[in-house]
Amino acid sequence: MRANDADKEIQDIRQNFQDTSSQTKRLMNAGCRPEEYTQLCKDLAALDAANQVLDQIQSK
């Protein structure tokens, strides 16, 4: 994979993460049961961790 292709792919992944994060936050703000809220918090933490992995990949 060429560098430009890899950068584009990472941008697409980041955009997907951002879209998913925004949707998750909307669900949390709309109100939900405590167990759903807990799962959504875990989902957001996983998205944050995935973004950190992308940061590490890009820094290499």
Protein backbone atom coordinates (compact mmCIF):
# COMPACT_ATOMS: atom_id res chain seq x y z
CA MET A 1 0.00 0.00 0.00
CA ARG A 2 1.36 3.40 -0.94
CA ALA A 3 1.72 6.12 1.68
CA ASN A 4 -1.04 8.23 0.11
CA ASP A 5 -3.39 5.25 0.08
CA ALA A 6 -2.58 4.48 3.70
CA ASP A 7 -3.17 8.08 4.76
CA LYS A 8 -6.50 8.14 2.93
CA GLU A 9 -7.52 4.87 4.57
CA ILE A 10 -6.61 6.21 8.01
CA GLN A 11 -8.60 9.39 7.32
CA ASP A 12 -11.61 7.27 6.34
CA ILE A 13 -11.28 5.18 9.50
CA ARG A 14 -10.99 8.30 11.66
CA GLN A 15 -14.09 9.77 10.01
CA ASN A 16 -15.97 6.55 10.70
CA PHE A 17 -14.84 6.65 14.34
CA GLN A 18 -15.93 10.29 14.61
CA ASP A 19 -19.35 9.55 13.10
CA THR A 20 -19.82 6.60 15.44
CA SER A 21 -18.70 8.63 18.44
CA SER A 22 -21.13 11.43 17.59
CA GLN A 23 -23.99 8.98 17.19
CA THR A 24 -23.11 7.30 20.50
CA LYS A 25 -23.06 10.65 22.30
CA ARG A 26 -26.46 11.53 20.80
CA LEU A 27 -27.86 8.26 22.11
CA MET A 28 -26.43 8.96 25.55
CA ASN A 29 -27.88 12.48 25.61
CA ALA A 30 -31.28 11.28 24.42
CA GLY A 31 -31.61 9.23 27.57
CA CYS A 32 -31.40 5.51 28.01
CA ARG A 33 -31.44 2.84 30.67
CA PRO A 34 -28.43 2.69 33.01
CA GLU A 35 -27.12 -0.55 31.50
CA GLU A 36 -27.34 0.93 27.99
CA TYR A 37 -25.54 4.05 29.19
CA THR A 38 -22.78 1.91 30.68
CA GLN A 39 -22.36 0.06 27.37
CA LEU A 40 -22.29 3.32 25.42
CA CYS A 41 -19.55 4.62 27.75
CA LYS A 42 -17.55 1.46 27.05
CA ASP A 43 -18.10 1.95 23.32
CA LEU A 44 -16.76 5.51 23.53
CA ALA A 45 -13.72 4.30 25.47
CA ALA A 46 -13.07 1.68 22.79
CA LEU A 47 -13.30 4.31 20.04
CA ASP A 48 -10.84 6.50 21.93
CA ALA A 49 -8.44 3.57 22.30
CA ALA A 50 -8.74 2.79 18.58
CA ASN A 51 -7.92 6.41 17.75
CA GLN A 52 -4.83 6.18 19.94
CA VAL A 53 -3.73 3.09 18.03
CA LEU A 54 -4.15 5.00 14.76
CA ASP A 55 -2.03 7.81 16.22
CA GLN A 56 0.72 5.31 16.99
CA ILE A 57 0.52 3.81 13.50
CA GLN A 58 0.71 7.22 11.85
CA SER A 59 3.68 8.30 13.95
CA LYS A 60 5.78 5.44 12.57
